[in-house]
C-alpha atoms as a PDB file:
ATOM      1  CA  MET A   1     100.430 255.972 132.731  1.00  0.00           C
ATOM      2  CA  THR A   2      97.983 253.844 130.271  1.00  0.00           C
ATOM      3  CA  GLU A   3      95.632 256.188 128.325  1.00  0.00           C
ATOM      4  CA  LYS A   4      92.148 254.350 128.792  1.00  0.00           C
ATOM      5  CA  LEU A   5      90.056 254.003 126.029  1.00  0.00           C
ATOM      6  CA  ARG A   6      88.340 256.499 125.531  1.00  0.00           C
ATOM      7  CA  ILE A   7      84.655 256.669 124.603  1.00  0.00           C
ATOM      8  CA  THR A   8      83.787 257.087 120.898  1.00  0.00           C
ATOM      9  CA  SER A   9      80.675 257.115 119.011  1.00  0.00           C
ATOM     10  CA  VAL A  10      80.154 254.210 116.937  1.00  0.00           C
ATOM     11  CA  THR A  11      77.508 254.287 113.761  1.00  0.00           C
ATOM     12  CA  LEU A  12      76.252 250.860 112.478  1.00  0.00           C
ATOM     13  CA  LEU A  13      74.873 249.999 109.443  1.00  0.00           C
ATOM     14  CA  LEU A  14      72.368 246.854 109.159  1.00  0.00           C
ATOM     15  CA  LEU A  15      72.064 245.172 105.758  1.00  0.00           C
ATOM     16  CA  ILE A  16      69.816 242.367 104.312  1.00  0.00           C
ATOM     17  CA  SER A  17      72.446 239.295 103.035  1.00  0.00           C
ATOM     18  CA  LEU A  18      71.285 238.424  99.523  1.00  0.00           C
ATOM     19  CA  THR A  19      72.754 234.583  99.742  1.00  0.00           C
ATOM     20  CA  THR A  20      69.786 233.023  98.592  1.00  0.00           C
ATOM     21  CA  PRO A  21      66.628 233.904  96.473  1.00  0.00           C
ATOM     22  CA  LEU A  22      64.590 236.208  97.469  1.00  0.00           C
ATOM     23  CA  ALA A  23      61.639 233.633  96.938  1.00  0.00           C
ATOM     24  CA  ALA A  24      63.234 230.956  99.121  1.00  0.00           C
ATOM     25  CA  GLN A  25      63.979 232.413 102.100  1.00  0.00           C
ATOM     26  CA  ASP A  26      62.749 231.176 105.183  1.00  0.00           C
ATOM     27  CA  GLU A  27      64.888 232.417 107.591  1.00  0.00           C
ATOM     28  CA  VAL A  28      67.079 235.314 107.547  1.00  0.00           C
ATOM     29  CA  ASP A  29      71.061 236.895 107.885  1.00  0.00           C
ATOM     30  CA  TYR A  30      71.448 240.403 109.187  1.00  0.00           C
ATOM     31  CA  ILE A  31      75.154 242.091 108.233  1.00  0.00           C
ATOM     32  CA  ILE A  32      75.780 244.505 110.669  1.00  0.00           C
ATOM     33  CA  ARG A  33      78.602 247.053 109.512  1.00  0.00           C
ATOM     34  CA  TRP A  34      80.285 249.886 111.647  1.00  0.00           C
ATOM     35  CA  GLN A  35      82.675 252.687 111.610  1.00  0.00           C
ATOM     36  CA  PRO A  36      86.087 251.577 113.545  1.00  0.00           C
ATOM     37  CA  ASN A  37      87.018 253.181 116.902  1.00  0.00           C
ATOM     38  CA  PRO A  38      89.851 254.990 116.253  1.00  0.00           C
ATOM     39  CA  GLU A  39      91.720 254.268 119.362  1.00  0.00           C
ATOM     40  CA  PRO A  40      94.706 252.575 119.603  1.00  0.00           C
ATOM     41  CA  TYR A  41      94.143 250.805 122.367  1.00  0.00           C
ATOM     42  CA  VAL A  42      90.799 248.680 121.035  1.00  0.00           C
ATOM     43  CA  THR A  43      91.332 244.913 120.660  1.00  0.00           C
ATOM     44  CA  GLU A  44      88.181 243.765 119.761  1.00  0.00           C
ATOM     45  CA  TYR A  45      84.296 244.999 119.414  1.00  0.00           C
ATOM     46  CA  VAL A  46      81.940 243.248 121.353  1.00  0.00           C
ATOM     47  CA  ILE A  47      78.340 242.406 119.387  1.00  0.00           C
ATOM     48  CA  TYR A  48      75.030 242.723 121.655  1.00  0.00           C
ATOM     49  CA  ARG A  49      71.820 241.540 120.312  1.00  0.00           C
ATOM     50  CA  SER A  50      68.387 241.937 121.962  1.00  0.00           C
ATOM     51  CA  LEU A  51      64.071 241.370 121.417  1.00  0.00           C
ATOM     52  CA  ILE A  52      63.489 244.898 122.374  1.00  0.00           C
ATOM     53  CA  PRO A  53      65.157 248.323 122.352  1.00  0.00           C
ATOM     54  CA  ASP A  54      65.792 248.802 126.246  1.00  0.00           C
ATOM     55  CA  ILE A  55      69.380 248.880 126.810  1.00  0.00           C
ATOM     56  CA  SER A  56      68.868 246.208 129.508  1.00  0.00           C
ATOM     57  CA  GLY A  57      67.389 243.556 127.275  1.00  0.00           C
ATOM     58  CA  PHE A  58      71.026 243.178 125.123  1.00  0.00           C
ATOM     59  CA  VAL A  59      73.197 240.291 125.661  1.00  0.00           C
ATOM     60  CA  ALA A  60      76.544 239.441 124.209  1.00  0.00           C
ATOM     61  CA  ILE A  61      76.157 236.709 121.727  1.00  0.00           C
ATOM     62  CA  ASP A  62      79.998 237.367 119.655  1.00  0.00           C
ATOM     63  CA  SER A  63      82.729 239.352 119.629  1.00  0.00           C
ATOM     64  CA  VAL A  64      85.414 240.088 116.754  1.00  0.00           C
ATOM     65  CA  PRO A  65      88.931 241.294 116.675  1.00  0.00           C
ATOM     66  CA  ALA A  66      89.570 245.488 115.981  1.00  0.00           C
ATOM     67  CA  GLY A  67      90.417 244.712 112.340  1.00  0.00           C
ATOM     68  CA  THR A  68      87.496 243.582 111.253  1.00  0.00           C
ATOM     69  CA  HIS A  69      84.057 246.025 111.034  1.00  0.00           C
ATOM     70  CA  THR A  70      81.600 243.329 109.782  1.00  0.00           C
ATOM     71  CA  TYR A  71      79.373 240.774 111.687  1.00  0.00           C
ATOM     72  CA  THR A  72      77.197 238.292 109.792  1.00  0.00           C
ATOM     73  CA  ASP A  73      73.940 236.795 112.170  1.00  0.00           C
ATOM     74  CA  ILE A  74      72.727 234.050 110.633  1.00  0.00           C
ATOM     75  CA  GLY A  75      69.658 231.701 110.385  1.00  0.00           C
ATOM     76  CA  LEU A  76      67.193 234.348 112.043  1.00  0.00           C
ATOM     77  CA  SER A  77      63.535 234.174 112.390  1.00  0.00           C
ATOM     78  CA  LYS A  78      61.302 235.958 110.417  1.00  0.00           C
ATOM     79  CA  GLY A  79      58.754 238.059 111.706  1.00  0.00           C
ATOM     80  CA  THR A  80      60.698 239.287 114.640  1.00  0.00           C
ATOM     81  CA  ARG A  81      62.378 242.531 114.878  1.00  0.00           C
ATOM     82  CA  TYR A  82      66.452 241.989 116.311  1.00  0.00           C
ATOM     83  CA  TYR A  83      67.998 244.825 117.550  1.00  0.00           C
ATOM     84  CA  TYR A  84      71.841 245.584 117.627  1.00  0.00           C
ATOM     85  CA  ARG A  85      74.761 247.305 119.577  1.00  0.00           C
ATOM     86  CA  LEU A  86      78.290 246.926 120.317  1.00  0.00           C
ATOM     87  CA  VAL A  87      81.376 248.106 122.221  1.00  0.00           C
ATOM     88  CA  ALA A  88      85.091 248.417 121.299  1.00  0.00           C
ATOM     89  CA  LYS A  89      87.208 247.020 123.784  1.00  0.00           C
ATOM     90  CA  ASN A  90      90.205 247.068 125.145  1.00  0.00           C
ATOM     91  CA  GLY A  91      90.737 243.078 126.160  1.00  0.00           C
ATOM     92  CA  ASN A  92      94.430 243.664 127.871  1.00  0.00           C
ATOM     93  CA  THR A  93      92.812 246.497 130.650  1.00  0.00           C
ATOM     94  CA  GLY A  94      89.049 245.614 129.944  1.00  0.00           C
ATOM     95  CA  ASP A  95      88.736 249.506 129.145  1.00  0.00           C
ATOM     96  CA  ARG A  96      85.359 249.921 126.826  1.00  0.00           C
ATOM     97  CA  SER A  97      83.601 252.104 124.994  1.00  0.00           C
ATOM     98  CA  SER A  98      79.933 253.038 125.570  1.00  0.00           C
ATOM     99  CA  PHE A  99      77.569 251.151 123.764  1.00  0.00           C
ATOM    100  CA  SER A 100      76.811 252.210 119.990  1.00  0.00           C
ATOM    101  CA  ASN A 101      73.461 253.704 118.500  1.00  0.00           C
ATOM    102  CA  PRO A 102      71.291 250.818 118.207  1.00  0.00           C
ATOM    103  CA  VAL A 103      69.704 249.529 114.996  1.00  0.00           C
ATOM    104  CA  SER A 104      67.335 246.932 114.455  1.00  0.00           C
ATOM    105  CA  GLY A 105      66.197 244.716 111.087  1.00  0.00           C
ATOM    106  CA  LEU A 106      62.594 243.071 110.966  1.00  0.00           C
ATOM    107  CA  ALA A 107      62.148 240.946 107.712  1.00  0.00           C
ATOM    108  CA  ILE A 108      57.979 240.130 107.022  1.00  0.00           C
ATOM    109  CA  PRO A 109      57.083 236.800 106.596  1.00  0.00           C
ATOM    110  CA  GLN A 110      54.299 235.711 103.852  1.00  0.00           C
ATOM    111  CA  ASP A 111      52.154 234.534 106.357  1.00  0.00           C
ATOM    112  CA  ALA A 112      52.174 237.926 108.841  1.00  0.00           C
ATOM    113  CA  SER A 113      49.307 239.837 109.734  1.00  0.00           C
ATOM    114  CA  ASP A 114      47.993 242.732 107.598  1.00  0.00           C
ATOM    115  CA  SER A 115      49.241 245.417 110.396  1.00  0.00           C
ATOM    116  CA  MET A 116      52.651 243.605 110.148  1.00  0.00           C
ATOM    117  CA  LYS A 117      52.761 243.742 106.490  1.00  0.00           C
ATOM    118  CA  ASP A 118      51.699 247.436 106.531  1.00  0.00           C
ATOM    119  CA  LEU A 119      54.875 248.247 108.327  1.00  0.00           C
ATOM    120  CA  CYS A 120      56.154 247.945 104.618  1.00  0.00           C
ATOM    121  CA  ARG A 121      54.507 247.023 102.098  1.00  0.00           C
ATOM    122  CA  ILE A 122      54.936 246.710  98.093  1.00  0.00           C
ATOM    123  CA  THR A 123      51.640 248.262  97.273  1.00  0.00           C
ATOM    124  CA  ASN A 124      51.804 248.434  92.875  1.00  0.00           C
ATOM    125  CA  ILE A 125      53.868 247.172  90.008  1.00  0.00           C
ATOM    126  CA  ASP A 126      53.386 248.739  86.759  1.00  0.00           C
ATOM    127  CA  SER A 127      54.794 248.075  83.391  1.00  0.00           C
ATOM    128  CA  VAL A 128      56.188 251.060  81.780  1.00  0.00           C
ATOM    129  CA  TYR A 129      57.992 249.686  78.667  1.00  0.00           C
ATOM    130  CA  ILE A 130      59.077 246.107  77.851  1.00  0.00           C
ATOM    131  CA  ASN A 131      61.695 244.941  80.632  1.00  0.00           C
ATOM    132  CA  SER A 132      60.924 248.317  82.716  1.00  0.00           C
ATOM    133  CA  TYR A 133      58.729 248.756  85.912  1.00  0.00           C
ATOM    134  CA  ASP A 134      57.448 251.396  88.315  1.00  0.00           C
ATOM    135  CA  ILE A 135      57.205 249.387  91.825  1.00  0.00           C
ATOM    136  CA  THR A 136      56.170 251.312  94.604  1.00  0.00           C
ATOM    137  CA  TRP A 137      55.708 250.921  98.081  1.00  0.00           C
ATOM    138  CA  SER A 138      54.657 252.068 101.348  1.00  0.00           C
ATOM    139  CA  THR A 139      55.595 252.443 105.287  1.00  0.00           C
ATOM    140  CA  ILE A 140      53.954 253.580 108.117  1.00  0.00           C
ATOM    141  CA  ASP A 141      56.940 255.111 109.345  1.00  0.00           C
ATOM    142  CA  GLN A 142      59.021 258.121 107.083  1.00  0.00           C
ATOM    143  CA  THR A 143      61.849 256.339 105.237  1.00  0.00           C
ATOM    144  CA  ILE A 144      64.159 255.916 102.255  1.00  0.00           C
ATOM    145  CA  GLY A 145      64.133 252.491 100.669  1.00  0.00           C
ATOM    146  CA  PHE A 146      64.761 250.214  97.582  1.00  0.00           C
ATOM    147  CA  VAL A 147      64.005 247.395  95.790  1.00  0.00           C
ATOM    148  CA  GLN A 148      65.700 244.108  95.805  1.00  0.00           C
ATOM    149  CA  TYR A 149      64.998 241.295  93.245  1.00  0.00           C
ATOM    150  CA  ASP A 150      65.836 237.873  92.157  1.00  0.00           C
ATOM    151  CA  THR A 151      64.859 234.946  90.116  1.00  0.00           C
ATOM    152  CA  ASP A 152      63.966 231.995  91.364  1.00  0.00           C
ATOM    153  CA  MET A 153      65.808 228.753  90.778  1.00  0.00           C
ATOM    154  CA  ILE A 154      65.054 226.904  93.573  1.00  0.00           C
ATOM    155  CA  LEU A 155      61.542 226.391  94.551  1.00  0.00           C
ATOM    156  CA  ASP A 156      60.091 224.948  91.557  1.00  0.00           C
ATOM    157  CA  LEU A 157      63.336 222.766  90.188  1.00  0.00           C
ATOM    158  CA  MET A 158      62.099 223.303  86.626  1.00  0.00           C
ATOM    159  CA  SER A 159      64.133 221.857  83.384  1.00  0.00           C
ATOM    160  CA  GLU A 160      63.669 225.578  82.413  1.00  0.00           C
ATOM    161  CA  TYR A 161      63.383 228.582  84.052  1.00  0.00           C
ATOM    162  CA  ASP A 162      60.350 230.161  84.303  1.00  0.00           C
ATOM    163  CA  GLN A 163      59.468 233.849  83.832  1.00  0.00           C
ATOM    164  CA  ASN A 164      59.165 235.760  87.208  1.00  0.00           C
ATOM    165  CA  TYR A 165      60.934 237.710  89.169  1.00  0.00           C
ATOM    166  CA  TYR A 166      60.689 238.455  92.827  1.00  0.00           C
ATOM    167  CA  VAL A 167      60.939 241.816  94.450  1.00  0.00           C
ATOM    168  CA  ARG A 168      60.562 243.226  97.879  1.00  0.00           C
ATOM    169  CA  ALA A 169      60.931 246.263  99.483  1.00  0.00           C
ATOM    170  CA  VAL A 170      63.619 247.418 101.896  1.00  0.00           C
ATOM    171  CA  SER A 171      63.209 250.472 104.311  1.00  0.00           C
ATOM    172  CA  TYR A 172      65.025 252.500 107.100  1.00  0.00           C
ATOM    173  CA  ASP A 173      63.784 255.228 109.095  1.00  0.00           C
ATOM    174  CA  ASN A 174      65.963 258.068 110.594  1.00  0.00           C
ATOM    175  CA  ASN A 175      67.284 255.887 113.043  1.00  0.00           C
ATOM    176  CA  ASP A 176      68.755 253.352 110.744  1.00  0.00           C
ATOM    177  CA  ASN A 177      66.067 250.701 111.708  1.00  0.00           C
ATOM    178  CA  MET A 178      65.599 248.377 108.545  1.00  0.00           C
ATOM    179  CA  THR A 179      62.271 246.689 107.580  1.00  0.00           C
ATOM    180  CA  LEU A 180      61.977 244.284 104.500  1.00  0.00           C
ATOM    181  CA  SER A 181      58.178 243.782 103.044  1.00  0.00           C
ATOM    182  CA  THR A 182      57.101 240.297 102.159  1.00  0.00           C
ATOM    183  CA  VAL A 183      58.267 238.938  98.567  1.00  0.00           C
ATOM    184  CA  GLU A 184      56.049 239.588  95.540  1.00  0.00           C
ATOM    185  CA  THR A 185      55.854 238.200  92.072  1.00  0.00           C
ATOM    186  CA  LEU A 186      56.751 240.515  89.331  1.00  0.00           C
ATOM    187  CA  GLU A 187      55.249 238.853  86.233  1.00  0.00           C
ATOM    188  CA  THR A 188      57.638 239.697  83.119  1.00  0.00           C
ATOM    189  CA  GLY A 189      56.235 237.682  80.571  1.00  0.00           C
ATOM    190  CA  GLU A 190      59.719 237.227  79.039  1.00  0.00           C
ATOM    191  CA  LEU A 191      62.354 234.397  79.772  1.00  0.00           C
ATOM    192  CA  PRO A 192      65.468 235.070  82.147  1.00  0.00           C
ATOM    193  CA  ALA A 193      68.614 234.833  80.799  1.00  0.00           C
ATOM    194  CA  PRO A 194      69.723 231.724  80.351  1.00  0.00           C
ATOM    195  CA  PRO A 195      71.738 229.608  83.556  1.00  0.00           C
ATOM    196  CA  THR A 196      75.147 230.115  81.880  1.00  0.00           C
ATOM    197  CA  ALA A 197      74.806 234.049  81.659  1.00  0.00           C
ATOM    198  CA  PRO A 198      76.605 235.575  84.515  1.00  0.00           C
ATOM    199  CA  GLN A 199      74.168 237.528  86.824  1.00  0.00           C
ATOM    200  CA  LEU A 200      75.508 241.390  88.233  1.00  0.00           C
ATOM    201  CA  SER A 201      76.327 241.176  91.711  1.00  0.00           C
ATOM    202  CA  ILE A 202      77.008 244.618  93.755  1.00  0.00           C
ATOM    203  CA  TYR A 203      77.846 244.776  97.277  1.00  0.00           C
ATOM    204  CA  PRO A 204      76.873 246.406  99.638  1.00  0.00           C
ATOM    205  CA  VAL A 205      73.481 247.525  99.410  1.00  0.00           C
ATOM    206  CA  PRO A 206      72.533 250.200 100.221  1.00  0.00           C
ATOM    207  CA  TYR A 207      75.834 251.974  99.745  1.00  0.00           C
ATOM    208  CA  HIS A 208      77.636 254.291 101.795  1.00  0.00           C
ATOM    209  CA  PRO A 209      80.474 256.044 100.592  1.00  0.00           C
ATOM    210  CA  ASN A 210      81.821 256.655 103.464  1.00  0.00           C
ATOM    211  CA  MET A 211      82.256 253.306 104.384  1.00  0.00           C
ATOM    212  CA  GLY A 212      84.547 251.900 101.156  1.00  0.00           C
ATOM    213  CA  SER A 213      83.850 250.859  98.001  1.00  0.00           C
ATOM    214  CA  LEU A 214      81.029 249.880  95.728  1.00  0.00           C
ATOM    215  CA  ASN A 215      81.756 246.442  94.381  1.00  0.00           C
ATOM    216  CA  PHE A 216      80.545 244.953  91.153  1.00  0.00           C
ATOM    217  CA  GLY A 217      81.026 241.436  90.065  1.00  0.00           C
ATOM    218  CA  ASN A 218      80.161 238.600  87.335  1.00  0.00           C
ATOM    219  CA  LEU A 219      80.692 241.347  84.848  1.00  0.00           C
ATOM    220  CA  PRO A 220      81.205 240.549  81.111  1.00  0.00           C
ATOM    221  CA  LYS A 221      84.824 240.738  80.006  1.00  0.00           C
ATOM    222  CA  GLY A 222      85.638 243.562  77.278  1.00  0.00           C
ATOM    223  CA  GLY A 223      82.085 245.606  78.303  1.00  0.00           C
ATOM    224  CA  SER A 224      81.112 248.451  80.329  1.00  0.00           C
ATOM    225  CA  ILE A 225      79.530 249.868  83.151  1.00  0.00           C
ATOM    226  CA  ILE A 226      77.967 252.981  83.708  1.00  0.00           C
ATOM    227  CA  VAL A 227      76.107 254.360  86.492  1.00  0.00           C
ATOM    228  CA  PHE A 228      72.991 256.795  85.777  1.00  0.00           C
ATOM    229  CA  ASN A 229      71.397 259.404  88.532  1.00  0.00           C
ATOM    230  CA  GLU A 230      67.900 259.304  88.961  1.00  0.00           C
ATOM    231  CA  ASN A 231      67.418 262.188  85.993  1.00  0.00           C
ATOM    232  CA  GLY A 232      69.086 259.925  83.723  1.00  0.00           C
ATOM    233  CA  LEU A 233      72.239 261.722  83.715  1.00  0.00           C
ATOM    234  CA  GLU A 234      75.391 259.712  83.893  1.00  0.00           C
ATOM    235  CA  VAL A 235      77.702 259.958  86.898  1.00  0.00           C
ATOM    236  CA  TRP A 236      80.237 257.726  86.449  1.00  0.00           C
ATOM    237  CA  GLN A 237      81.614 254.387  83.282  1.00  0.00           C
ATOM    238  CA  LYS A 238      84.143 252.117  83.322  1.00  0.00           C
ATOM    239  CA  ASP A 239      85.530 249.729  80.457  1.00  0.00           C
ATOM    240  CA  ILE A 240      85.355 246.481  82.325  1.00  0.00           C
ATOM    241  CA  GLY A 241      88.521 245.088  80.201  1.00  0.00           C
ATOM    242  CA  THR A 242      89.442 241.333  81.164  1.00  0.00           C
ATOM    243  CA  GLU A 243      88.506 241.990  84.750  1.00  0.00           C
ATOM    244  CA  THR A 244      84.825 240.493  86.051  1.00  0.00           C
ATOM    245  CA  SER A 245      84.952 242.935  88.992  1.00  0.00           C
ATOM    246  CA  ILE A 246      85.654 245.787  89.272  1.00  0.00           C
ATOM    247  CA  THR A 247      85.331 248.619  92.318  1.00  0.00           C
ATOM    248  CA  TRP A 248      83.745 252.537  92.588  1.00  0.00           C
ATOM    249  CA  ASP A 249      84.742 254.933  95.206  1.00  0.00           C
ATOM    250  CA  GLY A 250      81.167 256.864  94.620  1.00  0.00           C
ATOM    251  CA  LEU A 251      82.809 259.941  93.106  1.00  0.00           C
ATOM    252  CA  ASN A 252      81.327 261.125  89.810  1.00  0.00           C
ATOM    253  CA  GLN A 253      83.327 261.954  87.074  1.00  0.00           C
ATOM    254  CA  GLN A 254      84.459 265.073  88.025  1.00  0.00           C
ATOM    255  CA  GLY A 255      85.871 263.569  91.345  1.00  0.00           C
ATOM    256  CA  SER A 256      83.323 264.801  93.622  1.00  0.00           C
ATOM    257  CA  PRO A 257      81.097 262.678  95.904  1.00  0.00           C
ATOM    258  CA  VAL A 258      77.541 261.895  94.635  1.00  0.00           C
ATOM    259  CA  MET A 259      74.460 262.830  96.393  1.00  0.00           C
ATOM    260  CA  SER A 260      72.521 260.710  98.137  1.00  0.00           C
ATOM    261  CA  GLY A 261      69.528 258.817  96.480  1.00  0.00           C
ATOM    262  CA  VAL A 262      68.404 256.264  93.709  1.00  0.00           C
ATOM    263  CA  TYR A 263      71.101 255.287  90.899  1.00  0.00           C
ATOM    264  CA  TYR A 264      70.888 253.041  88.014  1.00  0.00           C
ATOM    265  CA  VAL A 265      73.790 250.650  86.786  1.00  0.00           C
ATOM    266  CA  ILE A 266      73.789 249.652  83.693  1.00  0.00           C
ATOM    267  CA  VAL A 267      76.385 247.048  82.534  1.00  0.00           C
ATOM    268  CA  LYS A 268      76.936 246.447  78.585  1.00  0.00           C
ATOM    269  CA  ASP A 269      78.662 243.278  77.129  1.00  0.00           C
ATOM    270  CA  ALA A 270      81.809 243.594  74.456  1.00  0.00           C
ATOM    271  CA  ARG A 271      79.237 243.812  71.748  1.00  0.00           C
ATOM    272  CA  GLY A 272      77.457 246.932  73.364  1.00  0.00           C
ATOM    273  CA  ASN A 273      74.469 245.208  74.241  1.00  0.00           C
ATOM    274  CA  VAL A 274      72.906 245.702  77.475  1.00  0.00           C
ATOM    275  CA  THR A 275      73.197 242.418  79.830  1.00  0.00           C
ATOM    276  CA  GLU A 276      72.151 244.236  83.371  1.00  0.00           C
ATOM    277  CA  ARG A 277      69.941 246.846  84.394  1.00  0.00           C
ATOM    278  CA  ARG A 278      69.955 247.487  88.338  1.00  0.00           C
ATOM    279  CA  PRO A 279      68.920 250.456  90.702  1.00  0.00           C
ATOM    280  CA  ILE A 280      71.124 251.309  93.860  1.00  0.00           C
ATOM    281  CA  MET A 281      70.401 253.309  96.995  1.00  0.00           C
ATOM    282  CA  ILE A 282      73.005 255.222  97.491  1.00  0.00           C
ATOM    283  CA  GLU A 283      73.267 257.132 101.013  1.00  0.00           C
ATOM    284  CA  ARG A 284      75.724 259.519 102.574  1.00  0.00           C
ATOM    285  CA  GLN A 285      76.528 258.893 106.562  1.00  0.00           C
ATOM    286  CA  ARG A 286      75.195 261.652 108.099  1.00  0.00           C
END
């Protein structure tokens, strides 16, 4: 007798795409990630989306093969919360798992009402010292979060780069529902790196070590990369060598998993000059 597909809990993670500079985004893409269903009979995952959290509102929008554990939903409207669930399916017999837990994403547009902006709002940007800033934000619900930033290389079409960075807060509640604040301007008073300088790429953020490695790209050859915890203690470092991209498995230099929290990535070039400083959020699976 053929064994049927067992009901297996599947946890979804909702991440935001960073393919477009923050200040130029009129639409939003959501990247949904999940843990694989361990059953050998799974042939595909069916992705469902809804505008309401109630299960009756979910409609199948696509499916991906069993070996795929990520899906990108592109070109969605800011100001609308989208909910996602999925099921594992045996396409040969029609057997299906139960629905996964729902997750959702809301990107707040610049012209949103004050009540919507209060869901996740950057409240203050303070210069601490050269090239360092304290950025605070507030949310209505209890959340964890981090800040994303980018330079504006599209909107003004200037021959020279302006002196601004654009930042937004990203918050997750206890049920992994994500809310993105509006984009705010951080005036540095200093020119960003020239166009020829590589800009550090970190993916995925926030980083969930249980689901794979953290990827660092656009690294300077012959340099080094160091990760510090929020107390300024070094937890991991690696010489870059001739490669321009490396991965980190979320283990400290003693081989133990790092705890959830905010960490800081420092990149140095071959001469020891710091070229990048970047905060990252690490969240271990509950």
